[in-house]
Amino acid sequence: MTTETFKAEIAEALRTYDRYVVCLEKTPADLEKALQSLVEKAIRAFENRAPGLRHGIALDRQVTVILSQTDATRPLCGIYFNLSSPYHRQKPAKVSPTGEEA
């Protein structure tokens, strides 16, 4: 199993990213490199998973790749964009009882 196994899923994610996702941290070329790397990591995680586990997962701040065991020889590949907004309120810093930021 290689990244070529999931070429169709990667291509679809790149089309979706180019069309619908606004991201200030990754260009489409950077995303393609990231997807290749994440799929490789997910394959390693899937192939080396503990007995009884059904998934291999790899992620970064913007993308999550999940390989899920099926009855077929080829696992399902899900590529998800971790959407967030710079307009979300930031959580206030935690302050310890001594008055210092934790």
Protein backbone atom coordinates (compact mmCIF):
# COMPACT_ATOMS: atom_id res chain seq x y z
CA MET A 1 0.00 0.00 0.00
CA THR A 2 1.42 3.40 -1.04
CA THR A 3 0.20 6.96 -1.51
CA GLU A 4 -0.56 5.99 -5.14
CA THR A 5 -3.24 3.66 -3.75
CA PHE A 6 -5.17 6.74 -2.62
CA LYS A 7 -4.40 8.98 -5.62
CA ALA A 8 -8.10 9.57 -6.37
CA GLU A 9 -8.85 10.69 -2.79
CA ILE A 10 -5.86 13.04 -2.77
CA ALA A 11 -6.89 14.55 -6.12
CA GLU A 12 -10.46 15.12 -4.88
CA ALA A 13 -9.19 16.77 -1.68
CA LEU A 14 -6.94 19.08 -3.72
CA ARG A 15 -9.88 20.08 -5.96
CA THR A 16 -12.05 20.74 -2.91
CA TYR A 17 -9.30 22.74 -1.21
CA ASP A 18 -8.69 24.86 -4.30
CA ARG A 19 -12.39 25.53 -4.75
CA TYR A 20 -13.83 25.91 -1.25
CA VAL A 21 -11.20 26.22 1.48
CA VAL A 22 -9.52 29.48 2.38
CA CYS A 23 -6.30 28.89 4.25
CA LEU A 24 -3.60 31.45 4.88
CA GLU A 25 -1.02 28.87 5.94
CA LYS A 26 -0.92 26.48 2.95
CA THR A 27 -0.83 27.08 -0.78
CA PRO A 28 -2.34 24.35 -2.96
CA ALA A 29 1.22 23.12 -3.71
CA ASP A 30 2.01 23.01 0.03
CA LEU A 31 -1.23 21.11 0.64
CA GLU A 32 -0.31 18.50 -1.96
CA LYS A 33 3.03 17.88 -0.22
CA ALA A 34 1.30 17.79 3.17
CA LEU A 35 -1.31 15.30 1.92
CA GLN A 36 1.37 13.01 0.51
CA SER A 37 3.18 13.07 3.86
CA LEU A 38 0.02 12.60 5.91
CA VAL A 39 -1.18 9.69 3.77
CA GLU A 40 2.25 8.04 4.22
CA LYS A 41 2.00 8.52 8.00
CA ALA A 42 -1.58 7.19 8.04
CA ILE A 43 -0.47 4.12 6.07
CA ARG A 44 2.33 3.45 8.58
CA ALA A 45 -0.11 3.92 11.48
CA PHE A 46 -2.66 1.64 9.78
CA GLU A 47 -0.12 -1.10 9.03
CA ASN A 48 1.38 -0.95 12.54
CA ARG A 49 -1.86 -0.58 14.51
CA ALA A 50 -2.44 -2.69 17.58
CA PRO A 51 -4.66 -5.78 17.33
CA GLY A 52 -8.32 -4.87 17.47
CA LEU A 53 -7.84 -1.30 16.19
CA ARG A 54 -9.42 -0.41 12.86
CA HIS A 55 -7.90 2.95 11.89
CA GLY A 56 -4.68 4.68 10.94
CA ILE A 57 -4.75 8.43 11.56
CA ALA A 58 -2.38 11.28 10.67
CA LEU A 59 -3.06 14.97 11.09
CA ASP A 60 -1.68 18.46 11.13
CA ARG A 61 -3.37 21.74 12.04
CA GLN A 62 -5.35 21.94 8.78
CA VAL A 63 -5.89 18.35 7.57
CA THR A 64 -6.73 14.93 9.03
CA VAL A 65 -6.25 11.69 7.08
CA ILE A 66 -7.97 8.53 8.34
CA LEU A 67 -7.59 5.04 6.88
CA SER A 68 -10.34 2.70 8.06
CA GLN A 69 -10.36 -1.08 7.85
CA THR A 70 -13.03 -2.61 5.63
CA ASP A 71 -13.93 -6.11 4.50
CA ALA A 72 -12.13 -5.38 1.21
CA THR A 73 -8.35 -5.46 0.85
CA ARG A 74 -8.14 -1.68 0.39
CA PRO A 75 -9.01 0.49 3.41
CA LEU A 76 -11.28 3.50 3.11
CA CYS A 77 -9.44 6.83 3.02
CA GLY A 78 -11.05 9.92 4.52
CA ILE A 79 -9.44 13.35 4.16
CA TYR A 80 -10.93 16.04 6.37
CA PHE A 81 -10.17 19.74 6.57
CA ASN A 82 -9.89 21.01 10.14
CA LEU A 83 -11.76 24.24 9.66
CA SER A 84 -11.33 27.13 12.01
CA SER A 85 -11.66 30.87 11.89
CA PRO A 86 -9.31 33.61 13.02
CA TYR A 87 -12.45 35.29 14.34
CA HIS A 88 -13.12 32.64 16.98
CA ARG A 89 -12.67 34.02 20.44
CA GLN A 90 -9.38 33.09 22.02
CA LYS A 91 -9.56 31.31 25.36
CA PRO A 92 -8.28 33.52 28.15
CA ALA A 93 -4.92 32.52 29.61
CA LYS A 94 -5.16 30.44 32.74
CA VAL A 95 -3.86 32.24 35.80
CA SER A 96 -2.45 30.31 38.72
CA PRO A 97 -3.37 31.18 42.33
CA THR A 98 -0.07 33.09 42.61
CA GLY A 99 -1.18 35.40 39.81
CA GLU A 100 1.20 34.02 37.16
CA GLU A 101 0.05 32.79 33.76
CA ALA A 102 0.11 29.02 33.49
